Amino acid sequence: MLAEKQIETEEIGAGSANAEAMPGGDNDLAWAKQNLRWAEGKPIPDLANILRILERHEDYKGRYIFNETLNRVLDKGNLMFEWRISECTALIQERFIPAVAESAVNNALVVCANRTGTRK
């Protein structure tokens, strides 16, 4: 998780104090540092970084496709209802980018799903 306190702690070089208590912990931080764009010691909360997570991270890569008939994103075949988008946003906020907006995650899901493929 990249809680703001963890980011500040990493900047100082003391390590992430709560990493063991949170799923992903240091692994998510290491992955984010290698794969996301950063500014002023924090991951940039934009569409490009969200797409990097959805398209590159093992937990998300290949999960999303676009259903043209329903005009909706599917997650492993399940329709992405609003609560699923909210849940996905919360996970991204908790693990990678605390300041990311739900609307940006929703847009990234649509782009990612269309890049992965479509189903009729």
PDB file of N, CA and C in Angstrom:
ATOM      1  N   MET A   1       0.838  -1.161   0.000  1.00  0.00           N
ATOM      2  CA  MET A   1       0.000   0.000   0.000  1.00  0.00           C
ATOM      3  C   MET A   1       0.885   1.227   0.000  1.00  0.00           C
ATOM      4  N   LEU A   2       0.425   2.234  -0.671  1.00  0.00           N
ATOM      5  CA  LEU A   2       1.182   3.465  -0.706  1.00  0.00           C
ATOM      6  C   LEU A   2       0.444   4.542   0.063  1.00  0.00           C
ATOM      7  N   ALA A   3       0.174   4.273   1.306  1.00  0.00           N
ATOM      8  CA  ALA A   3      -0.449   5.293   2.130  1.00  0.00           C
ATOM      9  C   ALA A   3       0.501   6.478   2.161  1.00  0.00           C
ATOM     10  N   GLU A   4      -0.053   7.671   2.268  1.00  0.00           N
ATOM     11  CA  GLU A   4       0.779   8.860   2.230  1.00  0.00           C
ATOM     12  C   GLU A   4       1.885   8.814   3.268  1.00  0.00           C
ATOM     13  N   LYS A   5       1.605   8.274   4.438  1.00  0.00           N
ATOM     14  CA  LYS A   5       2.624   8.179   5.474  1.00  0.00           C
ATOM     15  C   LYS A   5       3.772   7.282   5.016  1.00  0.00           C
ATOM     16  N   GLN A   6       3.452   6.187   4.311  1.00  0.00           N
ATOM     17  CA  GLN A   6       4.483   5.293   3.816  1.00  0.00           C
ATOM     18  C   GLN A   6       5.351   5.997   2.786  1.00  0.00           C
ATOM     19  N   ILE A   7       4.731   6.766   1.902  1.00  0.00           N
ATOM     20  CA  ILE A   7       5.491   7.475   0.883  1.00  0.00           C
ATOM     21  C   ILE A   7       6.460   8.432   1.548  1.00  0.00           C
ATOM     22  N   GLU A   8       5.970   9.186   2.530  1.00  0.00           N
ATOM     23  CA  GLU A   8       6.840  10.110   3.240  1.00  0.00           C
ATOM     24  C   GLU A   8       7.971   9.362   3.923  1.00  0.00           C
ATOM     25  N   THR A   9       7.670   8.227   4.526  1.00  0.00           N
ATOM     26  CA  THR A   9       8.684   7.434   5.204  1.00  0.00           C
ATOM     27  C   THR A   9       9.715   6.933   4.208  1.00  0.00           C
ATOM     28  N   GLU A  10       9.281   6.480   3.040  1.00  0.00           N
ATOM     29  CA  GLU A  10      10.206   6.006   2.025  1.00  0.00           C
ATOM     30  C   GLU A  10      11.110   7.130   1.549  1.00  0.00           C
ATOM     31  N   GLU A  11      10.568   8.339   1.412  1.00  0.00           N
ATOM     32  CA  GLU A  11      11.373   9.469   0.976  1.00  0.00           C
ATOM     33  C   GLU A  11      12.499   9.741   1.957  1.00  0.00           C
ATOM     34  N   ILE A  12      12.222   9.559   3.232  1.00  0.00           N
ATOM     35  CA  ILE A  12      13.218   9.811   4.253  1.00  0.00           C
ATOM     36  C   ILE A  12      14.229   8.669   4.297  1.00  0.00           C
ATOM     37  N   GLY A  13      13.818   7.488   3.814  1.00  0.00           N
ATOM     38  CA  GLY A  13      14.720   6.357   3.757  1.00  0.00           C
ATOM     39  C   GLY A  13      14.585   5.408   4.932  1.00  0.00           C
ATOM     40  N   ALA A  14      13.517   5.535   5.698  1.00  0.00           N
ATOM     41  CA  ALA A  14      13.353   4.706   6.885  1.00  0.00           C
ATOM     42  C   ALA A  14      12.612   3.404   6.596  1.00  0.00           C
ATOM     43  N   GLY A  15      12.103   3.210   5.387  1.00  0.00           N
ATOM     44  CA  GLY A  15      11.334   2.002   5.077  1.00  0.00           C
ATOM     45  C   GLY A  15       9.883   2.198   5.434  1.00  0.00           C
ATOM     46  N   SER A  16       9.026   1.307   4.967  1.00  0.00           N
ATOM     47  CA  SER A  16       7.597   1.445   5.239  1.00  0.00           C
ATOM     48  C   SER A  16       7.241   0.668   6.500  1.00  0.00           C
ATOM     49  N   ALA A  17       6.911   1.388   7.532  1.00  0.00           N
ATOM     50  CA  ALA A  17       6.679   0.815   8.854  1.00  0.00           C
ATOM     51  C   ALA A  17       5.515  -0.151   8.907  1.00  0.00           C
ATOM     52  N   ASN A  18       4.468   0.088   8.128  1.00  0.00           N
ATOM     53  CA  ASN A  18       3.270  -0.739   8.205  1.00  0.00           C
ATOM     54  C   ASN A  18       3.182  -1.773   7.095  1.00  0.00           C
ATOM     55  N   ALA A  19       4.239  -1.972   6.328  1.00  0.00           N
ATOM     56  CA  ALA A  19       4.183  -2.845   5.161  1.00  0.00           C
ATOM     57  C   ALA A  19       3.790  -4.275   5.511  1.00  0.00           C
ATOM     58  N   GLU A  20       4.271  -4.806   6.636  1.00  0.00           N
ATOM     59  CA  GLU A  20       3.972  -6.181   6.991  1.00  0.00           C
ATOM     60  C   GLU A  20       2.499  -6.371   7.309  1.00  0.00           C
ATOM     61  N   ALA A  21       1.846  -5.366   7.818  1.00  0.00           N
ATOM     62  CA  ALA A  21       0.454  -5.484   8.227  1.00  0.00           C
ATOM     63  C   ALA A  21      -0.513  -5.346   7.056  1.00  0.00           C
ATOM     64  N   MET A  22      -0.051  -4.891   5.900  1.00  0.00           N
ATOM     65  CA  MET A  22      -0.930  -4.631   4.776  1.00  0.00           C
ATOM     66  C   MET A  22      -0.574  -5.531   3.605  1.00  0.00           C
ATOM     67  N   PRO A  23      -1.593  -6.095   2.915  1.00  0.00           N
ATOM     68  CA  PRO A  23      -1.315  -6.946   1.763  1.00  0.00           C
ATOM     69  C   PRO A  23      -0.528  -6.178   0.698  1.00  0.00           C
ATOM     70  N   GLY A  24       0.453  -6.837   0.127  1.00  0.00           N
ATOM     71  CA  GLY A  24       1.245  -6.185  -0.918  1.00  0.00           C
ATOM     72  C   GLY A  24       2.427  -5.440  -0.359  1.00  0.00           C
ATOM     73  N   GLY A  25       2.206  -4.617   0.661  1.00  0.00           N
ATOM     74  CA  GLY A  25       3.222  -3.856   1.377  1.00  0.00           C
ATOM     75  C   GLY A  25       4.384  -3.380   0.542  1.00  0.00           C
ATOM     76  N   ASP A  26       5.584  -3.813   0.922  1.00  0.00           N
ATOM     77  CA  ASP A  26       6.799  -3.396   0.229  1.00  0.00           C
ATOM     78  C   ASP A  26       6.819  -3.842  -1.224  1.00  0.00           C
ATOM     79  N   ASN A  27       6.185  -4.977  -1.528  1.00  0.00           N
ATOM     80  CA  ASN A  27       6.136  -5.441  -2.915  1.00  0.00           C
ATOM     81  C   ASN A  27       5.399  -4.438  -3.801  1.00  0.00           C
ATOM     82  N   ASP A  28       4.281  -3.901  -3.312  1.00  0.00           N
ATOM     83  CA  ASP A  28       3.535  -2.908  -4.082  1.00  0.00           C
ATOM     84  C   ASP A  28       4.350  -1.634  -4.242  1.00  0.00           C
ATOM     85  N   LEU A  29       5.031  -1.231  -3.196  1.00  0.00           N
ATOM     86  CA  LEU A  29       5.855  -0.025  -3.270  1.00  0.00           C
ATOM     87  C   LEU A  29       6.982  -0.209  -4.270  1.00  0.00           C
ATOM     88  N   ALA A  30       7.649  -1.338  -4.221  1.00  0.00           N
ATOM     89  CA  ALA A  30       8.743  -1.606  -5.162  1.00  0.00           C
ATOM     90  C   ALA A  30       8.211  -1.639  -6.592  1.00  0.00           C
ATOM     91  N   TRP A  31       7.063  -2.300  -6.789  1.00  0.00           N
ATOM     92  CA  TRP A  31       6.469  -2.367  -8.124  1.00  0.00           C
ATOM     93  C   TRP A  31       6.122  -0.961  -8.610  1.00  0.00           C
ATOM     94  N   ALA A  32       5.497  -0.168  -7.752  1.00  0.00           N
ATOM     95  CA  ALA A  32       5.102   1.194  -8.125  1.00  0.00           C
ATOM     96  C   ALA A  32       6.311   2.041  -8.492  1.00  0.00           C
ATOM     97  N   LYS A  33       7.375   1.912  -7.737  1.00  0.00           N
ATOM     98  CA  LYS A  33       8.578   2.707  -8.030  1.00  0.00           C
ATOM     99  C   LYS A  33       9.178   2.332  -9.374  1.00  0.00           C
ATOM    100  N   GLN A  34       9.049   1.077  -9.775  1.00  0.00           N
ATOM    101  CA  GLN A  34       9.598   0.635 -11.054  1.00  0.00           C
ATOM    102  C   GLN A  34       8.684   0.921 -12.233  1.00  0.00           C
ATOM    103  N   ASN A  35       7.380   0.990 -12.007  1.00  0.00           N
ATOM    104  CA  ASN A  35       6.434   1.035 -13.121  1.00  0.00           C
ATOM    105  C   ASN A  35       5.624   2.317 -13.267  1.00  0.00           C
ATOM    106  N   LEU A  36       5.496   3.089 -12.219  1.00  0.00           N
ATOM    107  CA  LEU A  36       4.666   4.294 -12.290  1.00  0.00           C
ATOM    108  C   LEU A  36       5.518   5.545 -12.447  1.00  0.00           C
ATOM    109  N   ARG A  37       4.865   6.590 -12.923  1.00  0.00           N
ATOM    110  CA  ARG A  37       5.518   7.899 -13.027  1.00  0.00           C
ATOM    111  C   ARG A  37       5.321   8.632 -11.714  1.00  0.00           C
ATOM    112  N   TRP A  38       6.375   9.293 -11.246  1.00  0.00           N
ATOM    113  CA  TRP A  38       6.368   9.961  -9.944  1.00  0.00           C
ATOM    114  C   TRP A  38       6.698  11.439 -10.104  1.00  0.00           C
ATOM    115  N   ALA A  39       6.177  12.246  -9.191  1.00  0.00           N
ATOM    116  CA  ALA A  39       6.512  13.667  -9.113  1.00  0.00           C
ATOM    117  C   ALA A  39       6.514  14.062  -7.641  1.00  0.00           C
ATOM    118  N   GLU A  40       7.527  14.745  -7.225  1.00  0.00           N
ATOM    119  CA  GLU A  40       7.651  15.212  -5.842  1.00  0.00           C
ATOM    120  C   GLU A  40       7.501  14.066  -4.843  1.00  0.00           C
ATOM    121  N   GLY A  41       8.058  12.913  -5.174  1.00  0.00           N
ATOM    122  CA  GLY A  41       8.055  11.775  -4.268  1.00  0.00           C
ATOM    123  C   GLY A  41       6.751  11.017  -4.159  1.00  0.00           C
ATOM    124  N   LYS A  42       5.788  11.293  -5.033  1.00  0.00           N
ATOM    125  CA  LYS A  42       4.493  10.611  -4.993  1.00  0.00           C
ATOM    126  C   LYS A  42       4.123  10.136  -6.393  1.00  0.00           C
ATOM    127  N   PRO A  43       3.382   9.013  -6.484  1.00  0.00           N
ATOM    128  CA  PRO A  43       2.923   8.586  -7.803  1.00  0.00           C
ATOM    129  C   PRO A  43       1.891   9.581  -8.342  1.00  0.00           C
ATOM    130  N   ILE A  44       2.003   9.901  -9.608  1.00  0.00           N
ATOM    131  CA  ILE A  44       1.094  10.871 -10.231  1.00  0.00           C
ATOM    132  C   ILE A  44      -0.289  10.220 -10.370  1.00  0.00           C
ATOM    133  N   PRO A  45      -1.347  10.867  -9.842  1.00  0.00           N
ATOM    134  CA  PRO A  45      -2.700  10.275  -9.876  1.00  0.00           C
ATOM    135  C   PRO A  45      -3.443  10.563 -11.177  1.00  0.00           C
ATOM    136  N   ASP A  46      -2.896  10.050 -12.293  1.00  0.00           N
ATOM    137  CA  ASP A  46      -3.515  10.347 -13.582  1.00  0.00           C
ATOM    138  C   ASP A  46      -3.867   9.073 -14.342  1.00  0.00           C
ATOM    139  N   LEU A  47      -4.528   9.264 -15.469  1.00  0.00           N
ATOM    140  CA  LEU A  47      -4.987   8.160 -16.299  1.00  0.00           C
ATOM    141  C   LEU A  47      -3.831   7.267 -16.740  1.00  0.00           C
ATOM    142  N   ALA A  48      -2.716   7.861 -17.124  1.00  0.00           N
ATOM    143  CA  ALA A  48      -1.578   7.076 -17.606  1.00  0.00           C
ATOM    144  C   ALA A  48      -1.072   6.105 -16.544  1.00  0.00           C
ATOM    145  N   ASN A  49      -0.962   6.552 -15.303  1.00  0.00           N
ATOM    146  CA  ASN A  49      -0.493   5.659 -14.243  1.00  0.00           C
ATOM    147  C   ASN A  49      -1.504   4.567 -13.918  1.00  0.00           C
ATOM    148  N   ILE A  50      -2.779   4.897 -13.952  1.00  0.00           N
ATOM    149  CA  ILE A  50      -3.800   3.883 -13.690  1.00  0.00           C
ATOM    150  C   ILE A  50      -3.743   2.818 -14.784  1.00  0.00           C
ATOM    151  N   LEU A  51      -3.572   3.248 -16.030  1.00  0.00           N
ATOM    152  CA  LEU A  51      -3.448   2.285 -17.126  1.00  0.00           C
ATOM    153  C   LEU A  51      -2.229   1.393 -16.938  1.00  0.00           C
ATOM    154  N   ARG A  52      -1.143   1.954 -16.443  1.00  0.00           N
ATOM    155  CA  ARG A  52       0.045   1.139 -16.179  1.00  0.00           C
ATOM    156  C   ARG A  52      -0.278   0.045 -15.167  1.00  0.00           C
ATOM    157  N   ILE A  53      -1.034   0.379 -14.136  1.00  0.00           N
ATOM    158  CA  ILE A  53      -1.417  -0.617 -13.130  1.00  0.00           C
ATOM    159  C   ILE A  53      -2.296  -1.692 -13.759  1.00  0.00           C
ATOM    160  N   LEU A  54      -3.331  -1.272 -14.468  1.00  0.00           N
ATOM    161  CA  LEU A  54      -4.295  -2.216 -15.039  1.00  0.00           C
ATOM    162  C   LEU A  54      -3.692  -3.096 -16.122  1.00  0.00           C
ATOM    163  N   GLU A  55      -2.713  -2.580 -16.845  1.00  0.00           N
ATOM    164  CA  GLU A  55      -2.141  -3.334 -17.957  1.00  0.00           C
ATOM    165  C   GLU A  55      -0.842  -4.063 -17.623  1.00  0.00           C
ATOM    166  N   ARG A  56      -0.165  -3.673 -16.544  1.00  0.00           N
ATOM    167  CA  ARG A  56       1.137  -4.276 -16.239  1.00  0.00           C
ATOM    168  C   ARG A  56       1.176  -5.123 -14.973  1.00  0.00           C
ATOM    169  N   HIS A  57       0.400  -4.761 -13.967  1.00  0.00           N
ATOM    170  CA  HIS A  57       0.484  -5.478 -12.696  1.00  0.00           C
ATOM    171  C   HIS A  57      -0.194  -6.845 -12.818  1.00  0.00           C
ATOM    172  N   GLU A  58       0.453  -7.870 -12.275  1.00  0.00           N
ATOM    173  CA  GLU A  58      -0.052  -9.238 -12.375  1.00  0.00           C
ATOM    174  C   GLU A  58      -1.471  -9.410 -11.827  1.00  0.00           C
ATOM    175  N   ASP A  59      -1.852  -8.642 -10.822  1.00  0.00           N
ATOM    176  CA  ASP A  59      -3.187  -8.762 -10.241  1.00  0.00           C
ATOM    177  C   ASP A  59      -4.287  -8.207 -11.148  1.00  0.00           C
ATOM    178  N   TYR A  60      -3.920  -7.390 -12.128  1.00  0.00           N
ATOM    179  CA  TYR A  60      -4.913  -6.733 -12.977  1.00  0.00           C
ATOM    180  C   TYR A  60      -4.779  -7.067 -14.463  1.00  0.00           C
ATOM    181  N   LYS A  61      -3.592  -7.368 -14.911  1.00  0.00           N
ATOM    182  CA  LYS A  61      -3.295  -7.569 -16.330  1.00  0.00           C
ATOM    183  C   LYS A  61      -4.201  -8.633 -16.952  1.00  0.00           C
ATOM    184  N   GLY A  62      -4.859  -8.265 -18.062  1.00  0.00           N
ATOM    185  CA  GLY A  62      -5.683  -9.202 -18.815  1.00  0.00           C
ATOM    186  C   GLY A  62      -7.065  -9.470 -18.247  1.00  0.00           C
ATOM    187  N   ARG A  63      -7.418  -8.850 -17.156  1.00  0.00           N
ATOM    188  CA  ARG A  63      -8.711  -9.116 -16.505  1.00  0.00           C
ATOM    189  C   ARG A  63      -9.891  -8.454 -17.198  1.00  0.00           C
ATOM    190  N   TYR A  64      -9.666  -7.324 -17.845  1.00  0.00           N
ATOM    191  CA  TYR A  64     -10.768  -6.484 -18.304  1.00  0.00           C
ATOM    192  C   TYR A  64     -10.932  -6.536 -19.816  1.00  0.00           C
ATOM    193  N   ILE A  65     -12.179  -6.749 -20.250  1.00  0.00           N
ATOM    194  CA  ILE A  65     -12.526  -6.658 -21.663  1.00  0.00           C
ATOM    195  C   ILE A  65     -13.794  -5.814 -21.777  1.00  0.00           C
ATOM    196  N   PHE A  66     -14.046  -5.336 -22.982  1.00  0.00           N
ATOM    197  CA  PHE A  66     -15.223  -4.487 -23.198  1.00  0.00           C
ATOM    198  C   PHE A  66     -16.297  -5.291 -23.908  1.00  0.00           C
ATOM    199  N   ASN A  67     -17.514  -5.235 -23.397  1.00  0.00           N
ATOM    200  CA  ASN A  67     -18.659  -5.891 -24.011  1.00  0.00           C
ATOM    201  C   ASN A  67     -19.417  -4.836 -24.813  1.00  0.00           C
ATOM    202  N   GLU A  68     -19.363  -4.978 -26.141  1.00  0.00           N
ATOM    203  CA  GLU A  68     -20.000  -3.981 -27.009  1.00  0.00           C
ATOM    204  C   GLU A  68     -21.517  -3.989 -26.896  1.00  0.00           C
ATOM    205  N   THR A  69     -22.109  -5.147 -26.695  1.00  0.00           N
ATOM    206  CA  THR A  69     -23.564  -5.249 -26.584  1.00  0.00           C
ATOM    207  C   THR A  69     -24.069  -4.500 -25.359  1.00  0.00           C
ATOM    208  N   LEU A  70     -23.414  -4.727 -24.236  1.00  0.00           N
ATOM    209  CA  LEU A  70     -23.801  -4.065 -22.988  1.00  0.00           C
ATOM    210  C   LEU A  70     -23.194  -2.671 -22.848  1.00  0.00           C
ATOM    211  N   ASN A  71     -22.182  -2.390 -23.671  1.00  0.00           N
ATOM    212  CA  ASN A  71     -21.447  -1.130 -23.595  1.00  0.00           C
ATOM    213  C   ASN A  71     -20.852  -0.934 -22.197  1.00  0.00           C
ATOM    214  N   ARG A  72     -20.291  -2.037 -21.653  1.00  0.00           N
ATOM    215  CA  ARG A  72     -19.735  -2.029 -20.296  1.00  0.00           C
ATOM    216  C   ARG A  72     -18.452  -2.842 -20.247  1.00  0.00           C
ATOM    217  N   VAL A  73     -17.661  -2.567 -19.239  1.00  0.00           N
ATOM    218  CA  VAL A  73     -16.441  -3.320 -18.973  1.00  0.00           C
ATOM    219  C   VAL A  73     -16.803  -4.591 -18.205  1.00  0.00           C
ATOM    220  N   LEU A  74     -16.119  -5.682 -18.557  1.00  0.00           N
ATOM    221  CA  LEU A  74     -16.250  -6.938 -17.837  1.00  0.00           C
ATOM    222  C   LEU A  74     -14.928  -7.230 -17.129  1.00  0.00           C
ATOM    223  N   ASP A  75     -15.024  -7.712 -15.911  1.00  0.00           N
ATOM    224  CA  ASP A  75     -13.861  -8.126 -15.131  1.00  0.00           C
ATOM    225  C   ASP A  75     -13.936  -9.637 -14.999  1.00  0.00           C
ATOM    226  N   LYS A  76     -13.059 -10.356 -15.716  1.00  0.00           N
ATOM    227  CA  LYS A  76     -13.087 -11.818 -15.732  1.00  0.00           C
ATOM    228  C   LYS A  76     -14.494 -12.331 -16.052  1.00  0.00           C
ATOM    229  N   GLY A  77     -15.181 -11.651 -16.958  1.00  0.00           N
ATOM    230  CA  GLY A  77     -16.513 -12.060 -17.376  1.00  0.00           C
ATOM    231  C   GLY A  77     -17.651 -11.467 -16.565  1.00  0.00           C
ATOM    232  N   ASN A  78     -17.338 -10.814 -15.440  1.00  0.00           N
ATOM    233  CA  ASN A  78     -18.372 -10.210 -14.591  1.00  0.00           C
ATOM    234  C   ASN A  78     -18.553  -8.740 -14.943  1.00  0.00           C
ATOM    235  N   LEU A  79     -19.788  -8.337 -15.036  1.00  0.00           N
ATOM    236  CA  LEU A  79     -20.121  -6.955 -15.345  1.00  0.00           C
ATOM    237  C   LEU A  79     -19.602  -6.023 -14.261  1.00  0.00           C
ATOM    238  N   MET A  80     -18.936  -4.954 -14.667  1.00  0.00           N
ATOM    239  CA  MET A  80     -18.398  -3.974 -13.714  1.00  0.00           C
ATOM    240  C   MET A  80     -19.499  -2.991 -13.318  1.00  0.00           C
ATOM    241  N   PHE A  81     -20.263  -3.366 -12.299  1.00  0.00           N
ATOM    242  CA  PHE A  81     -21.263  -2.463 -11.735  1.00  0.00           C
ATOM    243  C   PHE A  81     -20.535  -1.331 -11.022  1.00  0.00           C
ATOM    244  N   GLU A  82     -21.266  -0.298 -10.654  1.00  0.00           N
ATOM    245  CA  GLU A  82     -20.661   0.860  -9.993  1.00  0.00           C
ATOM    246  C   GLU A  82     -19.896   0.464  -8.731  1.00  0.00           C
ATOM    247  N   TRP A  83     -20.442  -0.482  -7.960  1.00  0.00           N
ATOM    248  CA  TRP A  83     -19.755  -0.873  -6.729  1.00  0.00           C
ATOM    249  C   TRP A  83     -18.430  -1.552  -7.033  1.00  0.00           C
ATOM    250  N   ARG A  84     -18.342  -2.268  -8.156  1.00  0.00           N
ATOM    251  CA  ARG A  84     -17.075  -2.907  -8.538  1.00  0.00           C
ATOM    252  C   ARG A  84     -16.038  -1.862  -8.933  1.00  0.00           C
ATOM    253  N   ILE A  85     -16.483  -0.811  -9.603  1.00  0.00           N
ATOM    254  CA  ILE A  85     -15.578   0.272  -9.971  1.00  0.00           C
ATOM    255  C   ILE A  85     -15.093   0.982  -8.716  1.00  0.00           C
ATOM    256  N   SER A  86     -16.005   1.190  -7.766  1.00  0.00           N
ATOM    257  CA  SER A  86     -15.617   1.801  -6.487  1.00  0.00           C
ATOM    258  C   SER A  86     -14.617   0.922  -5.750  1.00  0.00           C
ATOM    259  N   GLU A  87     -14.848  -0.380  -5.755  1.00  0.00           N
ATOM    260  CA  GLU A  87     -13.930  -1.301  -5.094  1.00  0.00           C
ATOM    261  C   GLU A  87     -12.555  -1.285  -5.763  1.00  0.00           C
ATOM    262  N   CYS A  88     -12.533  -1.287  -7.091  1.00  0.00           N
ATOM    263  CA  CYS A  88     -11.277  -1.222  -7.833  1.00  0.00           C
ATOM    264  C   CYS A  88     -10.535   0.072  -7.507  1.00  0.00           C
ATOM    265  N   THR A  89     -11.262   1.167  -7.438  1.00  0.00           N
ATOM    266  CA  THR A  89     -10.663   2.457  -7.080  1.00  0.00           C
ATOM    267  C   THR A  89     -10.048   2.397  -5.692  1.00  0.00           C
ATOM    268  N   ALA A  90     -10.783   1.853  -4.735  1.00  0.00           N
ATOM    269  CA  ALA A  90     -10.272   1.765  -3.364  1.00  0.00           C
ATOM    270  C   ALA A  90      -8.993   0.928  -3.300  1.00  0.00           C
ATOM    271  N   LEU A  91      -8.951  -0.164  -4.036  1.00  0.00           N
ATOM    272  CA  LEU A  91      -7.749  -1.005  -4.045  1.00  0.00           C
ATOM    273  C   LEU A  91      -6.559  -0.271  -4.648  1.00  0.00           C
ATOM    274  N   ILE A  92      -6.790   0.448  -5.737  1.00  0.00           N
ATOM    275  CA  ILE A  92      -5.705   1.217  -6.349  1.00  0.00           C
ATOM    276  C   ILE A  92      -5.248   2.326  -5.410  1.00  0.00           C
ATOM    277  N   GLN A  93      -6.199   2.984  -4.747  1.00  0.00           N
ATOM    278  CA  GLN A  93      -5.839   4.026  -3.781  1.00  0.00           C
ATOM    279  C   GLN A  93      -5.032   3.450  -2.628  1.00  0.00           C
ATOM    280  N   GLU A  94      -5.436   2.309  -2.134  1.00  0.00           N
ATOM    281  CA  GLU A  94      -4.776   1.700  -0.981  1.00  0.00           C
ATOM    282  C   GLU A  94      -3.408   1.131  -1.346  1.00  0.00           C
ATOM    283  N   ARG A  95      -3.299   0.548  -2.521  1.00  0.00           N
ATOM    284  CA  ARG A  95      -2.057  -0.143  -2.878  1.00  0.00           C
ATOM    285  C   ARG A  95      -1.047   0.727  -3.605  1.00  0.00           C
ATOM    286  N   PHE A  96      -1.520   1.686  -4.430  1.00  0.00           N
ATOM    287  CA  PHE A  96      -0.593   2.363  -5.328  1.00  0.00           C
ATOM    288  C   PHE A  96      -0.652   3.888  -5.333  1.00  0.00           C
ATOM    289  N   ILE A  97      -1.849   4.454  -5.515  1.00  0.00           N
ATOM    290  CA  ILE A  97      -1.966   5.905  -5.716  1.00  0.00           C
ATOM    291  C   ILE A  97      -3.082   6.455  -4.828  1.00  0.00           C
ATOM    292  N   PRO A  98      -2.760   6.902  -3.615  1.00  0.00           N
ATOM    293  CA  PRO A  98      -3.793   7.346  -2.670  1.00  0.00           C
ATOM    294  C   PRO A  98      -4.724   8.445  -3.201  1.00  0.00           C
ATOM    295  N   ALA A  99      -4.232   9.323  -4.046  1.00  0.00           N
ATOM    296  CA  ALA A  99      -5.021  10.476  -4.464  1.00  0.00           C
ATOM    297  C   ALA A  99      -5.829  10.270  -5.736  1.00  0.00           C
ATOM    298  N   VAL A 100      -5.886   9.050  -6.259  1.00  0.00           N
ATOM    299  CA  VAL A 100      -6.555   8.837  -7.537  1.00  0.00           C
ATOM    300  C   VAL A 100      -8.076   8.967  -7.405  1.00  0.00           C
ATOM    301  N   ALA A 101      -8.703   9.557  -8.428  1.00  0.00           N
ATOM    302  CA  ALA A 101     -10.158   9.765  -8.442  1.00  0.00           C
ATOM    303  C   ALA A 101     -10.872   8.576  -9.087  1.00  0.00           C
ATOM    304  N   GLU A 102     -12.065   8.286  -8.601  1.00  0.00           N
ATOM    305  CA  GLU A 102     -12.852   7.186  -9.149  1.00  0.00           C
ATOM    306  C   GLU A 102     -13.165   7.394 -10.626  1.00  0.00           C
ATOM    307  N   SER A 103     -13.419   8.620 -11.031  1.00  0.00           N
ATOM    308  CA  SER A 103     -13.711   8.886 -12.443  1.00  0.00           C
ATOM    309  C   SER A 103     -12.512   8.532 -13.325  1.00  0.00           C
ATOM    310  N   ALA A 104     -11.303   8.771 -12.836  1.00  0.00           N
ATOM    311  CA  ALA A 104     -10.093   8.421 -13.594  1.00  0.00           C
ATOM    312  C   ALA A 104      -9.954   6.902 -13.701  1.00  0.00           C
ATOM    313  N   VAL A 105     -10.263   6.187 -12.637  1.00  0.00           N
ATOM    314  CA  VAL A 105     -10.207   4.720 -12.672  1.00  0.00           C
ATOM    315  C   VAL A 105     -11.250   4.189 -13.650  1.00  0.00           C
ATOM    316  N   ASN A 106     -12.438   4.748 -13.620  1.00  0.00           N
ATOM    317  CA  ASN A 106     -13.490   4.331 -14.549  1.00  0.00           C
ATOM    318  C   ASN A 106     -13.037   4.533 -15.995  1.00  0.00           C
ATOM    319  N   ASN A 107     -12.476   5.691 -16.303  1.00  0.00           N
ATOM    320  CA  ASN A 107     -11.989   5.965 -17.658  1.00  0.00           C
ATOM    321  C   ASN A 107     -10.873   4.995 -18.039  1.00  0.00           C
ATOM    322  N   ALA A 108      -9.964   4.726 -17.111  1.00  0.00           N
ATOM    323  CA  ALA A 108      -8.862   3.806 -17.379  1.00  0.00           C
ATOM    324  C   ALA A 108      -9.369   2.392 -17.632  1.00  0.00           C
ATOM    325  N   LEU A 109     -10.391   1.976 -16.892  1.00  0.00           N
ATOM    326  CA  LEU A 109     -10.972   0.650 -17.108  1.00  0.00           C
ATOM    327  C   LEU A 109     -11.526   0.520 -18.520  1.00  0.00           C
ATOM    328  N   VAL A 110     -12.200   1.557 -19.002  1.00  0.00           N
ATOM    329  CA  VAL A 110     -12.775   1.529 -20.356  1.00  0.00           C
ATOM    330  C   VAL A 110     -11.657   1.466 -21.395  1.00  0.00           C
ATOM    331  N   VAL A 111     -10.635   2.284 -21.238  1.00  0.00           N
ATOM    332  CA  VAL A 111      -9.511   2.276 -22.188  1.00  0.00           C
ATOM    333  C   VAL A 111      -8.812   0.920 -22.165  1.00  0.00           C
ATOM    334  N   CYS A 112      -8.501   0.441 -20.980  1.00  0.00           N
ATOM    335  CA  CYS A 112      -7.820  -0.842 -20.822  1.00  0.00           C
ATOM    336  C   CYS A 112      -8.637  -1.976 -21.433  1.00  0.00           C
ATOM    337  N   ALA A 113      -9.910  -2.011 -21.145  1.00  0.00           N
ATOM    338  CA  ALA A 113     -10.784  -3.066 -21.661  1.00  0.00           C
ATOM    339  C   ALA A 113     -10.847  -3.050 -23.182  1.00  0.00           C
ATOM    340  N   ASN A 114     -10.907  -1.869 -23.767  1.00  0.00           N
ATOM    341  CA  ASN A 114     -10.935  -1.772 -25.226  1.00  0.00           C
ATOM    342  C   ASN A 114      -9.606  -2.175 -25.844  1.00  0.00           C
ATOM    343  N   ARG A 115      -8.503  -1.890 -25.166  1.00  0.00           N
ATOM    344  CA  ARG A 115      -7.190  -2.310 -25.669  1.00  0.00           C
ATOM    345  C   ARG A 115      -7.039  -3.824 -25.575  1.00  0.00           C
ATOM    346  N   THR A 116      -7.590  -4.429 -24.536  1.00  0.00           N
ATOM    347  CA  THR A 116      -7.468  -5.867 -24.344  1.00  0.00           C
ATOM    348  C   THR A 116      -8.295  -6.619 -25.365  1.00  0.00           C
ATOM    349  N   GLY A 117      -9.499  -6.135 -25.635  1.00  0.00           N
ATOM    350  CA  GLY A 117     -10.363  -6.788 -26.623  1.00  0.00           C
ATOM    351  C   GLY A 117     -11.820  -6.512 -26.310  1.00  0.00           C
ATOM    352  N   THR A 118     -12.637  -6.846 -27.261  1.00  0.00           N
ATOM    353  CA  THR A 118     -14.074  -6.634 -27.102  1.00  0.00           C
ATOM    354  C   THR A 118     -14.815  -7.941 -27.310  1.00  0.00           C
ATOM    355  N   ARG A 119     -15.989  -7.994 -26.754  1.00  0.00           N
ATOM    356  CA  ARG A 119     -16.864  -9.152 -26.882  1.00  0.00           C
ATOM    357  C   ARG A 119     -18.248  -8.631 -27.257  1.00  0.00           C
ATOM    358  N   LYS A 120     -18.914  -9.344 -28.114  1.00  0.00           N
ATOM    359  CA  LYS A 120     -20.275  -8.948 -28.503  1.00  0.00           C
ATOM    360  C   LYS A 120     -21.278  -9.818 -27.830  1.00  0.00           C
TER     361      LYS A 120
END
